[in-house]
Amino acid sequence: MKRRETLTPWPELPPARRLRYRAESAALGFAAWLVPKLPFSALRGVAGLLGDVAFALDSRGRRVAIANLEMVFGASKPPDEIRRIAKDSYRQFARTMLELFWAPNLRRENYRKYVEVEGFDRVREVCRDGRGVIGVCLHYGNFEWLSIISGFEGTQGIIGTQEFRNPLLGPVFDRLRGTSGHRIIQQERSVMATLKHLKGGGSVGILTDLQLHPRDNPVTPVQSFGHWSPMTKMHAILHKHTGLPIVPMESIPLPDGRYRHVAHEPMFFPPEATEREIVQKCWEVLQPQVSRQPEPWLWAYKHWRFLPPGGADAYPWYARRDKSFDALLRADGIVADHSP
């Protein structure tokens, strides 16, 4: 989970910022009113246009996405293919956001018109005896719908949200993300509330590829595509405290505009497994789909912001050394204690 920023209370905000926040809220409210009125078939085309505009205007994010793809795929993909994948990633993110705003049209009676599901019978089997599960996924495909559809599939849970800098935006997103019955909680209360919820038979979903700082808690170093990065270990902690299975999940875009939502085999780990080992194993279940179909992942994220000792040549241009990341690697025995 991301480290929560200290946000300025509303009464202390400058008048100009209050005006901007109200304008942002009005624009968001208009989108929340308009998008559900559009036919679902139109969203993909609109998202493509919005994604292309964002890709053209967001020069820094575009550079990050291309650098990440070049690091992962190297010479196996030519530059024009790398650029196409980066642009398609922007299109998918725009589509995900549009479809989140369209989500009030989803019902228990109609959601399978838009989504194929696979493996959720295994999840329901686990939950049948009054237990919950710890779902994990990436910012891949329509991760917002993956959460919503899991609720329709019988695994209603809690969603911990980070407070928006503009406090007027949060209620709109909370309402959309709660479409299928999920309960929304503020992130600062999420750890204890999540444990209580799980011990009471509930479920929880966690995005494992959050952009975390090594100083944040709880994090652990994980190798993704052969490169070290700090990732949340919340799911590992929850598993160790509750014994509940971790279920890796994926939202895979299909050529016809629908999605296939996959719940993998529930994972249990022996007591001696370390938190880092648990997080690494979960990542290794999800990484192959990103390799097979890279377009739906958020490549514009700085997934590899921190350099390990001696790793400068292999990491993207934006990566930097950080003492806290070095300390994290030393604590897990990944680099020697005498490393600079």
C-alpha atoms as a PDB file:
ATOM      1  CA  MET A   1       0.000   0.000   0.000  1.00  0.00           C
ATOM      2  CA  LYS A   2       1.180   3.484  -0.718  1.00  0.00           C
ATOM      3  CA  ARG A   3       2.449   5.680   2.055  1.00  0.00           C
ATOM      4  CA  ARG A   4      -0.343   8.122   2.845  1.00  0.00           C
ATOM      5  CA  GLU A   5       0.470  11.770   2.331  1.00  0.00           C
ATOM      6  CA  THR A   6      -0.456  14.390   4.900  1.00  0.00           C
ATOM      7  CA  LEU A   7      -3.206  16.301   3.126  1.00  0.00           C
ATOM      8  CA  THR A   8      -4.141  19.915   3.812  1.00  0.00           C
ATOM      9  CA  PRO A   9      -7.507  20.196   5.631  1.00  0.00           C
ATOM     10  CA  TRP A  10     -10.243  21.765   3.496  1.00  0.00           C
ATOM     11  CA  PRO A  11     -10.632  24.950   5.649  1.00  0.00           C
ATOM     12  CA  GLU A  12      -6.916  25.713   5.222  1.00  0.00           C
ATOM     13  CA  LEU A  13      -6.852  25.406   1.446  1.00  0.00           C
ATOM     14  CA  PRO A  14      -6.293  28.585  -0.600  1.00  0.00           C
ATOM     15  CA  PRO A  15      -9.475  29.840  -2.314  1.00  0.00           C
ATOM     16  CA  ALA A  16      -8.021  29.183  -5.789  1.00  0.00           C
ATOM     17  CA  ARG A  17      -7.387  25.546  -4.936  1.00  0.00           C
ATOM     18  CA  ARG A  18     -10.855  25.115  -3.503  1.00  0.00           C
ATOM     19  CA  LEU A  19     -12.262  26.467  -6.751  1.00  0.00           C
ATOM     20  CA  ARG A  20     -10.120  24.043  -8.769  1.00  0.00           C
ATOM     21  CA  TYR A  21     -11.185  21.118  -6.595  1.00  0.00           C
ATOM     22  CA  ARG A  22     -14.843  22.010  -7.056  1.00  0.00           C
ATOM     23  CA  ALA A  23     -14.318  22.219 -10.821  1.00  0.00           C
ATOM     24  CA  GLU A  24     -12.651  18.791 -10.802  1.00  0.00           C
ATOM     25  CA  SER A  25     -15.528  17.406  -8.761  1.00  0.00           C
ATOM     26  CA  ALA A  26     -18.085  18.847 -11.181  1.00  0.00           C
ATOM     27  CA  ALA A  27     -16.241  17.347 -14.174  1.00  0.00           C
ATOM     28  CA  LEU A  28     -16.049  13.954 -12.452  1.00  0.00           C
ATOM     29  CA  GLY A  29     -19.721  14.110 -11.560  1.00  0.00           C
ATOM     30  CA  PHE A  30     -20.600  14.893 -15.164  1.00  0.00           C
ATOM     31  CA  ALA A  31     -18.534  11.911 -16.348  1.00  0.00           C
ATOM     32  CA  ALA A  32     -20.240   9.679 -13.773  1.00  0.00           C
ATOM     33  CA  TRP A  33     -23.607  10.831 -15.165  1.00  0.00           C
ATOM     34  CA  LEU A  34     -22.696  10.625 -18.854  1.00  0.00           C
ATOM     35  CA  VAL A  35     -20.621   7.455 -19.253  1.00  0.00           C
ATOM     36  CA  PRO A  36     -23.280   4.978 -17.997  1.00  0.00           C
ATOM     37  CA  LYS A  37     -25.613   6.336 -20.684  1.00  0.00           C
ATOM     38  CA  LEU A  38     -23.207   5.298 -23.471  1.00  0.00           C
ATOM     39  CA  PRO A  39     -23.498   1.869 -25.099  1.00  0.00           C
ATOM     40  CA  PHE A  40     -20.797  -0.494 -23.886  1.00  0.00           C
ATOM     41  CA  SER A  41     -19.667  -1.034 -27.473  1.00  0.00           C
ATOM     42  CA  ALA A  42     -18.727   2.662 -27.750  1.00  0.00           C
ATOM     43  CA  LEU A  43     -16.361   2.696 -24.784  1.00  0.00           C
ATOM     44  CA  ARG A  44     -13.521   0.913 -26.521  1.00  0.00           C
ATOM     45  CA  GLY A  45     -13.346   3.479 -29.339  1.00  0.00           C
ATOM     46  CA  VAL A  46     -13.585   6.437 -26.970  1.00  0.00           C
ATOM     47  CA  ALA A  47     -10.868   4.920 -24.788  1.00  0.00           C
ATOM     48  CA  GLY A  48      -8.617   4.472 -27.809  1.00  0.00           C
ATOM     49  CA  LEU A  49      -8.948   8.149 -28.661  1.00  0.00           C
ATOM     50  CA  LEU A  50      -8.362   9.270 -25.059  1.00  0.00           C
ATOM     51  CA  GLY A  51      -5.400   6.903 -24.702  1.00  0.00           C
ATOM     52  CA  ASP A  52      -3.794   8.210 -27.888  1.00  0.00           C
ATOM     53  CA  VAL A  53      -4.154  11.810 -26.687  1.00  0.00           C
ATOM     54  CA  ALA A  54      -2.696  10.951 -23.276  1.00  0.00           C
ATOM     55  CA  PHE A  55       0.191   9.076 -24.883  1.00  0.00           C
ATOM     56  CA  ALA A  56       0.990  12.084 -27.076  1.00  0.00           C
ATOM     57  CA  LEU A  57       0.798  14.635 -24.254  1.00  0.00           C
ATOM     58  CA  ASP A  58       2.386  12.658 -21.403  1.00  0.00           C
ATOM     59  CA  SER A  59       5.995  12.812 -22.538  1.00  0.00           C
ATOM     60  CA  ARG A  60       7.469  11.711 -19.218  1.00  0.00           C
ATOM     61  CA  GLY A  61       5.104   8.778 -18.767  1.00  0.00           C
ATOM     62  CA  ARG A  62       5.708   7.774 -22.387  1.00  0.00           C
ATOM     63  CA  ARG A  63       9.484   7.721 -21.785  1.00  0.00           C
ATOM     64  CA  VAL A  64       8.986   5.617 -18.654  1.00  0.00           C
ATOM     65  CA  ALA A  65       6.769   3.116 -20.479  1.00  0.00           C
ATOM     66  CA  ILE A  66       9.197   2.729 -23.381  1.00  0.00           C
ATOM     67  CA  ALA A  67      12.179   2.372 -21.023  1.00  0.00           C
ATOM     68  CA  ASN A  68      10.376  -0.335 -19.046  1.00  0.00           C
ATOM     69  CA  LEU A  69       9.451  -2.261 -22.174  1.00  0.00           C
ATOM     70  CA  GLU A  70      12.982  -2.010 -23.563  1.00  0.00           C
ATOM     71  CA  MET A  71      14.371  -3.343 -20.287  1.00  0.00           C
ATOM     72  CA  VAL A  72      11.976  -6.295 -20.180  1.00  0.00           C
ATOM     73  CA  PHE A  73      11.917  -7.279 -23.858  1.00  0.00           C
ATOM     74  CA  GLY A  74      15.278  -5.954 -25.044  1.00  0.00           C
ATOM     75  CA  ALA A  75      16.120  -6.812 -28.627  1.00  0.00           C
ATOM     76  CA  SER A  76      13.263  -9.325 -28.905  1.00  0.00           C
ATOM     77  CA  LYS A  77      10.894  -6.536 -29.965  1.00  0.00           C
ATOM     78  CA  PRO A  78      11.740  -3.758 -32.464  1.00  0.00           C
ATOM     79  CA  PRO A  79      11.307  -0.082 -31.466  1.00  0.00           C
ATOM     80  CA  ASP A  80       8.035   0.359 -33.364  1.00  0.00           C
ATOM     81  CA  GLU A  81       6.566  -2.666 -31.565  1.00  0.00           C
ATOM     82  CA  ILE A  82       7.727  -1.289 -28.195  1.00  0.00           C
ATOM     83  CA  ARG A  83       6.052   2.029 -28.964  1.00  0.00           C
ATOM     84  CA  ARG A  84       2.827   0.317 -30.053  1.00  0.00           C
ATOM     85  CA  ILE A  85       2.654  -1.686 -26.821  1.00  0.00           C
ATOM     86  CA  ALA A  86       3.248   1.470 -24.780  1.00  0.00           C
ATOM     87  CA  LYS A  87       0.434   3.294 -26.608  1.00  0.00           C
ATOM     88  CA  ASP A  88      -1.921   0.325 -26.203  1.00  0.00           C
ATOM     89  CA  SER A  89      -1.167   0.368 -22.471  1.00  0.00           C
ATOM     90  CA  TYR A  90      -2.456   3.952 -22.320  1.00  0.00           C
ATOM     91  CA  ARG A  91      -5.542   2.907 -24.268  1.00  0.00           C
ATOM     92  CA  GLN A  92      -6.245   0.052 -21.858  1.00  0.00           C
ATOM     93  CA  PHE A  93      -5.935   2.297 -18.818  1.00  0.00           C
ATOM     94  CA  ALA A  94      -8.347   4.819 -20.380  1.00  0.00           C
ATOM     95  CA  ARG A  95     -10.709   1.947 -21.122  1.00  0.00           C
ATOM     96  CA  THR A  96     -10.459   0.673 -17.553  1.00  0.00           C
ATOM     97  CA  MET A  97     -11.408   4.079 -16.172  1.00  0.00           C
ATOM     98  CA  LEU A  98     -14.293   4.537 -18.608  1.00  0.00           C
ATOM     99  CA  GLU A  99     -15.609   1.082 -17.812  1.00  0.00           C
ATOM    100  CA  LEU A 100     -15.380   1.792 -14.088  1.00  0.00           C
ATOM    101  CA  PHE A 101     -17.697   4.774 -14.678  1.00  0.00           C
ATOM    102  CA  TRP A 102     -19.947   2.509 -16.762  1.00  0.00           C
ATOM    103  CA  ALA A 103     -20.055  -0.092 -13.948  1.00  0.00           C
ATOM    104  CA  PRO A 104     -23.459   0.978 -12.511  1.00  0.00           C
ATOM    105  CA  ASN A 105     -24.952  -0.849 -15.515  1.00  0.00           C
ATOM    106  CA  LEU A 106     -23.518  -4.148 -14.280  1.00  0.00           C
ATOM    107  CA  ARG A 107     -25.926  -6.439 -12.459  1.00  0.00           C
ATOM    108  CA  ARG A 108     -25.728  -9.941 -11.093  1.00  0.00           C
ATOM    109  CA  GLU A 109     -28.087 -10.917 -13.918  1.00  0.00           C
ATOM    110  CA  ASN A 110     -26.070  -9.440 -16.809  1.00  0.00           C
ATOM    111  CA  TYR A 111     -22.345  -9.247 -15.949  1.00  0.00           C
ATOM    112  CA  ARG A 112     -21.505 -12.512 -17.726  1.00  0.00           C
ATOM    113  CA  LYS A 113     -22.536 -10.849 -20.969  1.00  0.00           C
ATOM    114  CA  TYR A 114     -19.325  -8.815 -20.658  1.00  0.00           C
ATOM    115  CA  VAL A 115     -17.010 -11.162 -18.767  1.00  0.00           C
ATOM    116  CA  GLU A 116     -16.029 -14.816 -18.934  1.00  0.00           C
ATOM    117  CA  VAL A 117     -15.055 -16.261 -15.565  1.00  0.00           C
ATOM    118  CA  GLU A 118     -12.671 -19.102 -14.853  1.00  0.00           C
ATOM    119  CA  GLY A 119     -11.701 -20.707 -11.569  1.00  0.00           C
ATOM    120  CA  PHE A 120     -14.119 -18.868  -9.304  1.00  0.00           C
ATOM    121  CA  ASP A 121     -15.787 -22.177  -8.457  1.00  0.00           C
ATOM    122  CA  ARG A 122     -12.591 -23.032  -6.553  1.00  0.00           C
ATOM    123  CA  VAL A 123     -12.856 -19.771  -4.644  1.00  0.00           C
ATOM    124  CA  ARG A 124     -16.492 -20.428  -3.743  1.00  0.00           C
ATOM    125  CA  GLU A 125     -15.504 -23.904  -2.552  1.00  0.00           C
ATOM    126  CA  VAL A 126     -12.965 -22.381  -0.166  1.00  0.00           C
ATOM    127  CA  CYS A 127     -15.512 -19.830   1.048  1.00  0.00           C
ATOM    128  CA  ARG A 128     -18.262 -22.403   1.521  1.00  0.00           C
ATOM    129  CA  ASP A 129     -17.109 -23.322   5.045  1.00  0.00           C
ATOM    130  CA  GLY A 130     -17.249 -19.719   6.224  1.00  0.00           C
ATOM    131  CA  ARG A 131     -13.711 -18.678   5.292  1.00  0.00           C
ATOM    132  CA  GLY A 132     -12.585 -15.872   3.061  1.00  0.00           C
ATOM    133  CA  VAL A 133      -9.707 -15.549   0.624  1.00  0.00           C
ATOM    134  CA  ILE A 134      -6.914 -13.061  -0.007  1.00  0.00           C
ATOM    135  CA  GLY A 135      -7.122 -12.103  -3.674  1.00  0.00           C
ATOM    136  CA  VAL A 136      -4.109 -10.546  -5.404  1.00  0.00           C
ATOM    137  CA  CYS A 137      -3.842  -9.003  -8.849  1.00  0.00           C
ATOM    138  CA  LEU A 138      -1.853  -6.501 -10.895  1.00  0.00           C
ATOM    139  CA  HIS A 139      -2.797  -3.217 -12.557  1.00  0.00           C
ATOM    140  CA  TYR A 140      -3.540  -5.377 -15.581  1.00  0.00           C
ATOM    141  CA  GLY A 141      -6.537  -5.442 -17.897  1.00  0.00           C
ATOM    142  CA  ASN A 142      -9.633  -4.105 -16.182  1.00  0.00           C
ATOM    143  CA  PHE A 143      -8.466  -4.568 -12.600  1.00  0.00           C
ATOM    144  CA  GLU A 144     -11.389  -2.393 -11.436  1.00  0.00           C
ATOM    145  CA  TRP A 145     -13.925  -4.758 -12.967  1.00  0.00           C
ATOM    146  CA  LEU A 146     -11.993  -7.741 -11.627  1.00  0.00           C
ATOM    147  CA  SER A 147     -12.784  -6.468  -8.150  1.00  0.00           C
ATOM    148  CA  ILE A 148     -16.423  -5.764  -8.984  1.00  0.00           C
ATOM    149  CA  ILE A 149     -17.003  -9.085 -10.757  1.00  0.00           C
ATOM    150  CA  SER A 150     -15.443 -11.023  -7.876  1.00  0.00           C
ATOM    151  CA  GLY A 151     -18.195  -9.538  -5.730  1.00  0.00           C
ATOM    152  CA  PHE A 152     -20.855 -10.807  -8.126  1.00  0.00           C
ATOM    153  CA  GLU A 153     -19.103 -14.181  -8.044  1.00  0.00           C
ATOM    154  CA  GLY A 154     -19.714 -14.408  -4.305  1.00  0.00           C
ATOM    155  CA  THR A 155     -16.537 -12.993  -2.754  1.00  0.00           C
ATOM    156  CA  GLN A 156     -17.654  -9.615  -1.463  1.00  0.00           C
ATOM    157  CA  GLY A 157     -14.818  -8.023   0.449  1.00  0.00           C
ATOM    158  CA  ILE A 158     -13.317  -4.760   1.537  1.00  0.00           C
ATOM    159  CA  ILE A 159     -11.375  -2.260  -0.520  1.00  0.00           C
ATOM    160  CA  GLY A 160      -8.845   0.015   1.153  1.00  0.00           C
ATOM    161  CA  THR A 161      -8.639   3.326  -0.701  1.00  0.00           C
ATOM    162  CA  GLN A 162      -6.063   6.082  -0.489  1.00  0.00           C
ATOM    163  CA  GLU A 163      -7.490   9.500   0.202  1.00  0.00           C
ATOM    164  CA  PHE A 164      -7.517  11.759  -2.839  1.00  0.00           C
ATOM    165  CA  ARG A 165      -5.689  15.053  -2.634  1.00  0.00           C
ATOM    166  CA  ASN A 166      -9.044  16.491  -3.698  1.00  0.00           C
ATOM    167  CA  PRO A 167     -11.400  15.130  -1.008  1.00  0.00           C
ATOM    168  CA  LEU A 168     -14.465  15.751  -3.177  1.00  0.00           C
ATOM    169  CA  LEU A 169     -13.485  12.947  -5.585  1.00  0.00           C
ATOM    170  CA  GLY A 170     -13.366  10.030  -3.168  1.00  0.00           C
ATOM    171  CA  PRO A 171     -17.132   9.457  -2.727  1.00  0.00           C
ATOM    172  CA  VAL A 172     -17.651   9.082  -6.486  1.00  0.00           C
ATOM    173  CA  PHE A 173     -15.001   6.363  -6.788  1.00  0.00           C
ATOM    174  CA  ASP A 174     -16.173   4.668  -3.572  1.00  0.00           C
ATOM    175  CA  ARG A 175     -19.693   4.374  -4.989  1.00  0.00           C
ATOM    176  CA  LEU A 176     -18.452   2.927  -8.284  1.00  0.00           C
ATOM    177  CA  ARG A 177     -16.084   0.425  -6.660  1.00  0.00           C
ATOM    178  CA  GLY A 178     -18.841  -0.738  -4.333  1.00  0.00           C
ATOM    179  CA  THR A 179     -21.157  -1.679  -7.224  1.00  0.00           C
ATOM    180  CA  SER A 180     -21.229  -5.403  -6.354  1.00  0.00           C
ATOM    181  CA  GLY A 181     -21.358  -5.033  -2.578  1.00  0.00           C
ATOM    182  CA  HIS A 182     -17.755  -4.377  -1.543  1.00  0.00           C
ATOM    183  CA  ARG A 183     -17.218  -2.257   1.561  1.00  0.00           C
ATOM    184  CA  ILE A 184     -14.921   0.743   1.147  1.00  0.00           C
ATOM    185  CA  ILE A 185     -12.604   1.785   3.981  1.00  0.00           C
ATOM    186  CA  GLN A 186      -9.974   4.475   4.320  1.00  0.00           C
ATOM    187  CA  GLN A 187      -6.443   3.170   3.940  1.00  0.00           C
ATOM    188  CA  GLU A 188      -5.242   4.462   7.309  1.00  0.00           C
ATOM    189  CA  ARG A 189      -7.655   2.060   8.988  1.00  0.00           C
ATOM    190  CA  SER A 190      -7.202  -0.778   6.522  1.00  0.00           C
ATOM    191  CA  VAL A 191      -4.737  -3.085   8.314  1.00  0.00           C
ATOM    192  CA  MET A 192      -6.736  -3.718  11.466  1.00  0.00           C
ATOM    193  CA  ALA A 193     -10.056  -3.551   9.626  1.00  0.00           C
ATOM    194  CA  THR A 194      -8.814  -6.065   7.052  1.00  0.00           C
ATOM    195  CA  LEU A 195      -7.655  -8.546   9.690  1.00  0.00           C
ATOM    196  CA  LYS A 196     -10.961  -8.263  11.516  1.00  0.00           C
ATOM    197  CA  HIS A 197     -12.852  -8.699   8.265  1.00  0.00           C
ATOM    198  CA  LEU A 198     -10.843 -11.795   7.270  1.00  0.00           C
ATOM    199  CA  LYS A 199     -11.183 -13.418  10.675  1.00  0.00           C
ATOM    200  CA  GLY A 200     -14.922 -12.883  10.395  1.00  0.00           C
ATOM    201  CA  GLY A 201     -15.090 -14.890   7.162  1.00  0.00           C
ATOM    202  CA  GLY A 202     -14.697 -12.045   4.675  1.00  0.00           C
ATOM    203  CA  SER A 203     -12.356 -11.649   1.706  1.00  0.00           C
ATOM    204  CA  VAL A 204      -9.971  -8.932   0.561  1.00  0.00           C
ATOM    205  CA  GLY A 205      -8.286  -7.956  -2.694  1.00  0.00           C
ATOM    206  CA  ILE A 206      -4.801  -6.444  -2.978  1.00  0.00           C
ATOM    207  CA  LEU A 207      -2.949  -4.873  -5.902  1.00  0.00           C
ATOM    208  CA  THR A 208       0.549  -6.290  -5.641  1.00  0.00           C
ATOM    209  CA  ASP A 209       2.352  -3.968  -8.062  1.00  0.00           C
ATOM    210  CA  LEU A 210       1.750  -0.733  -6.173  1.00  0.00           C
ATOM    211  CA  GLN A 211       4.436   1.910  -6.466  1.00  0.00           C
ATOM    212  CA  LEU A 212       5.995   1.765  -3.013  1.00  0.00           C
ATOM    213  CA  HIS A 213       9.009   3.364  -1.396  1.00  0.00           C
ATOM    214  CA  PRO A 214      11.414   1.096   0.519  1.00  0.00           C
ATOM    215  CA  ARG A 215      10.655   3.109   3.662  1.00  0.00           C
ATOM    216  CA  ASP A 216       6.969   2.244   3.417  1.00  0.00           C
ATOM    217  CA  ASN A 217       5.516  -0.613   5.371  1.00  0.00           C
ATOM    218  CA  PRO A 218       4.891  -3.355   4.676  1.00  0.00           C
ATOM    219  CA  VAL A 219       7.253  -3.950   1.735  1.00  0.00           C
ATOM    220  CA  THR A 220       9.689  -6.623   0.636  1.00  0.00           C
ATOM    221  CA  PRO A 221      12.141  -6.850  -2.294  1.00  0.00           C
ATOM    222  CA  VAL A 222      10.842  -8.968  -5.172  1.00  0.00           C
ATOM    223  CA  GLN A 223      12.304  -9.845  -8.541  1.00  0.00           C
ATOM    224  CA  SER A 224       9.983  -8.895 -11.376  1.00  0.00           C
ATOM    225  CA  PHE A 225      11.279  -9.711 -14.851  1.00  0.00           C
ATOM    226  CA  GLY A 226      14.658 -10.383 -13.217  1.00  0.00           C
ATOM    227  CA  HIS A 227      14.952  -6.955 -11.566  1.00  0.00           C
ATOM    228  CA  TRP A 228      14.528  -6.012  -7.931  1.00  0.00           C
ATOM    229  CA  SER A 229      11.659  -3.807  -6.816  1.00  0.00           C
ATOM    230  CA  PRO A 230       9.972  -3.093  -3.448  1.00  0.00           C
ATOM    231  CA  MET A 231       6.458  -4.560  -3.389  1.00  0.00           C
ATOM    232  CA  THR A 232       3.740  -4.747  -0.798  1.00  0.00           C
ATOM    233  CA  LYS A 233       3.849  -7.827   1.405  1.00  0.00           C
ATOM    234  CA  MET A 234       0.427  -7.193   2.921  1.00  0.00           C
ATOM    235  CA  HIS A 235      -1.003 -10.376   1.418  1.00  0.00           C
ATOM    236  CA  ALA A 236       1.847 -12.420   2.906  1.00  0.00           C
ATOM    237  CA  ILE A 237       1.295 -10.882   6.338  1.00  0.00           C
ATOM    238  CA  LEU A 238      -2.435 -11.533   6.171  1.00  0.00           C
ATOM    239  CA  HIS A 239      -1.833 -15.124   5.081  1.00  0.00           C
ATOM    240  CA  LYS A 240       0.519 -15.730   8.004  1.00  0.00           C
ATOM    241  CA  HIS A 241      -1.905 -14.200  10.494  1.00  0.00           C
ATOM    242  CA  THR A 242      -5.034 -15.964   9.252  1.00  0.00           C
ATOM    243  CA  GLY A 243      -3.925 -19.071   7.354  1.00  0.00           C
ATOM    244  CA  LEU A 244      -6.333 -18.115   4.562  1.00  0.00           C
ATOM    245  CA  PRO A 245      -5.353 -18.951   0.980  1.00  0.00           C
ATOM    246  CA  ILE A 246      -3.976 -16.383  -1.434  1.00  0.00           C
ATOM    247  CA  VAL A 247      -5.710 -16.440  -4.822  1.00  0.00           C
ATOM    248  CA  PRO A 248      -3.881 -14.767  -7.741  1.00  0.00           C
ATOM    249  CA  MET A 249      -6.409 -13.249 -10.157  1.00  0.00           C
ATOM    250  CA  GLU A 250      -6.202 -11.784 -13.669  1.00  0.00           C
ATOM    251  CA  SER A 251      -8.392  -9.698 -15.963  1.00  0.00           C
ATOM    252  CA  ILE A 252      -7.481 -10.594 -19.545  1.00  0.00           C
ATOM    253  CA  PRO A 253      -8.883  -8.502 -22.441  1.00  0.00           C
ATOM    254  CA  LEU A 254     -10.430 -10.577 -25.218  1.00  0.00           C
ATOM    255  CA  PRO A 255     -10.456  -9.686 -28.938  1.00  0.00           C
ATOM    256  CA  ASP A 256     -14.245  -9.207 -28.968  1.00  0.00           C
ATOM    257  CA  GLY A 257     -14.135  -6.463 -26.317  1.00  0.00           C
ATOM    258  CA  ARG A 258     -15.029  -8.650 -23.343  1.00  0.00           C
ATOM    259  CA  TYR A 259     -12.717  -9.912 -20.601  1.00  0.00           C
ATOM    260  CA  ARG A 260     -11.769 -13.272 -19.176  1.00  0.00           C
ATOM    261  CA  HIS A 261     -11.404 -13.082 -15.412  1.00  0.00           C
ATOM    262  CA  VAL A 262      -9.279 -15.885 -14.028  1.00  0.00           C
ATOM    263  CA  ALA A 263      -8.980 -17.013 -10.413  1.00  0.00           C
ATOM    264  CA  HIS A 264      -5.930 -19.253 -10.102  1.00  0.00           C
ATOM    265  CA  GLU A 265      -5.562 -22.187  -7.742  1.00  0.00           C
ATOM    266  CA  PRO A 266      -5.679 -21.026  -4.084  1.00  0.00           C
ATOM    267  CA  MET A 267      -2.157 -20.948  -2.660  1.00  0.00           C
ATOM    268  CA  PHE A 268      -1.181 -22.142   0.815  1.00  0.00           C
ATOM    269  CA  PHE A 269       2.316 -21.806   2.244  1.00  0.00           C
ATOM    270  CA  PRO A 270       4.136 -23.677   5.021  1.00  0.00           C
ATOM    271  CA  PRO A 271       4.764 -21.787   8.284  1.00  0.00           C
ATOM    272  CA  GLU A 272       8.483 -21.555   7.543  1.00  0.00           C
ATOM    273  CA  ALA A 273       7.941 -19.684   4.247  1.00  0.00           C
ATOM    274  CA  THR A 274       9.178 -16.114   4.524  1.00  0.00           C
ATOM    275  CA  GLU A 275       7.031 -13.163   3.556  1.00  0.00           C
ATOM    276  CA  ARG A 276       9.365 -12.420   0.642  1.00  0.00           C
ATOM    277  CA  GLU A 277       9.092 -16.010  -0.614  1.00  0.00           C
ATOM    278  CA  ILE A 278       5.293 -15.796  -0.501  1.00  0.00           C
ATOM    279  CA  VAL A 279       5.193 -12.505  -2.404  1.00  0.00           C
ATOM    280  CA  GLN A 280       7.675 -13.796  -4.986  1.00  0.00           C
ATOM    281  CA  LYS A 281       5.646 -16.966  -5.611  1.00  0.00           C
ATOM    282  CA  CYS A 282       2.473 -14.931  -6.102  1.00  0.00           C
ATOM    283  CA  TRP A 283       4.228 -12.628  -8.558  1.00  0.00           C
ATOM    284  CA  GLU A 284       5.520 -15.609 -10.519  1.00  0.00           C
ATOM    285  CA  VAL A 285       1.943 -16.797 -11.077  1.00  0.00           C
ATOM    286  CA  LEU A 286       0.950 -13.440 -12.591  1.00  0.00           C
ATOM    287  CA  GLN A 287       4.068 -12.448 -14.549  1.00  0.00           C
ATOM    288  CA  PRO A 288       3.648 -14.968 -17.422  1.00  0.00           C
ATOM    289  CA  GLN A 289       0.419 -13.329 -18.611  1.00  0.00           C
ATOM    290  CA  VAL A 290       2.183  -9.950 -18.766  1.00  0.00           C
ATOM    291  CA  SER A 291       4.892 -11.564 -20.899  1.00  0.00           C
ATOM    292  CA  ARG A 292       2.355 -13.196 -23.222  1.00  0.00           C
ATOM    293  CA  GLN A 293       0.152 -10.114 -23.619  1.00  0.00           C
ATOM    294  CA  PRO A 294       2.044  -7.044 -22.383  1.00  0.00           C
ATOM    295  CA  GLU A 295      -0.325  -4.334 -23.620  1.00  0.00           C
ATOM    296  CA  PRO A 296      -2.809  -4.381 -20.690  1.00  0.00           C
ATOM    297  CA  TRP A 297      -0.206  -3.677 -17.958  1.00  0.00           C
ATOM    298  CA  LEU A 298       0.491  -0.120 -16.741  1.00  0.00           C
ATOM    299  CA  TRP A 299       3.943   0.280 -18.239  1.00  0.00           C
ATOM    300  CA  ALA A 300       4.013   4.027 -17.508  1.00  0.00           C
ATOM    301  CA  TYR A 301       4.455   3.265 -13.801  1.00  0.00           C
ATOM    302  CA  LYS A 302       7.993   3.504 -12.442  1.00  0.00           C
ATOM    303  CA  HIS A 303       8.066  -0.154 -11.499  1.00  0.00           C
ATOM    304  CA  TRP A 304      11.858  -0.226 -11.011  1.00  0.00           C
ATOM    305  CA  ARG A 305      12.604   3.113  -9.316  1.00  0.00           C
ATOM    306  CA  PHE A 306      15.441   1.889  -7.121  1.00  0.00           C
ATOM    307  CA  LEU A 307      18.843   0.583  -8.131  1.00  0.00           C
ATOM    308  CA  PRO A 308      20.452  -2.294  -6.299  1.00  0.00           C
ATOM    309  CA  PRO A 309      24.221  -2.051  -5.783  1.00  0.00           C
ATOM    310  CA  GLY A 310      25.946  -2.538  -9.142  1.00  0.00           C
ATOM    311  CA  GLY A 311      22.721  -2.605 -11.156  1.00  0.00           C
ATOM    312  CA  ALA A 312      22.845   0.722 -12.987  1.00  0.00           C
ATOM    313  CA  ASP A 313      23.393  -0.683 -16.484  1.00  0.00           C
ATOM    314  CA  ALA A 314      20.431  -3.062 -16.339  1.00  0.00           C
ATOM    315  CA  TYR A 315      17.752  -0.683 -14.988  1.00  0.00           C
ATOM    316  CA  PRO A 316      15.703   2.104 -16.651  1.00  0.00           C
ATOM    317  CA  TRP A 317      16.964   5.683 -16.846  1.00  0.00           C
ATOM    318  CA  TYR A 318      14.729   6.880 -14.001  1.00  0.00           C
ATOM    319  CA  ALA A 319      16.102   4.400 -11.422  1.00  0.00           C
ATOM    320  CA  ARG A 320      18.218   5.801  -8.579  1.00  0.00           C
ATOM    321  CA  ARG A 321      20.185   4.475  -5.641  1.00  0.00           C
ATOM    322  CA  ASP A 322      18.440   4.823  -2.296  1.00  0.00           C
ATOM    323  CA  LYS A 323      19.881   3.972   1.110  1.00  0.00           C
ATOM    324  CA  SER A 324      16.571   2.590   2.328  1.00  0.00           C
ATOM    325  CA  PHE A 325      16.399   0.195  -0.651  1.00  0.00           C
ATOM    326  CA  ASP A 326      19.971  -0.923   0.015  1.00  0.00           C
ATOM    327  CA  ALA A 327      18.983  -1.567   3.634  1.00  0.00           C
ATOM    328  CA  LEU A 328      15.944  -3.555   2.517  1.00  0.00           C
ATOM    329  CA  LEU A 329      18.112  -5.746   0.287  1.00  0.00           C
ATOM    330  CA  ARG A 330      20.668  -6.252   3.066  1.00  0.00           C
ATOM    331  CA  ALA A 331      17.962  -7.172   5.575  1.00  0.00           C
ATOM    332  CA  ASP A 332      16.833  -9.991   3.305  1.00  0.00           C
ATOM    333  CA  GLY A 333      20.383 -11.161   2.609  1.00  0.00           C
ATOM    334  CA  ILE A 334      20.164 -10.213  -1.073  1.00  0.00           C
ATOM    335  CA  VAL A 335      23.292  -8.072  -0.913  1.00  0.00           C
ATOM    336  CA  ALA A 336      26.150  -8.336   1.544  1.00  0.00           C
ATOM    337  CA  ASP A 337      26.193  -6.178   4.658  1.00  0.00           C
ATOM    338  CA  HIS A 338      29.345  -4.392   3.459  1.00  0.00           C
ATOM    339  CA  SER A 339      27.739  -3.242   0.181  1.00  0.00           C
ATOM    340  CA  PRO A 340      28.032   0.533  -0.339  1.00  0.00           C
END
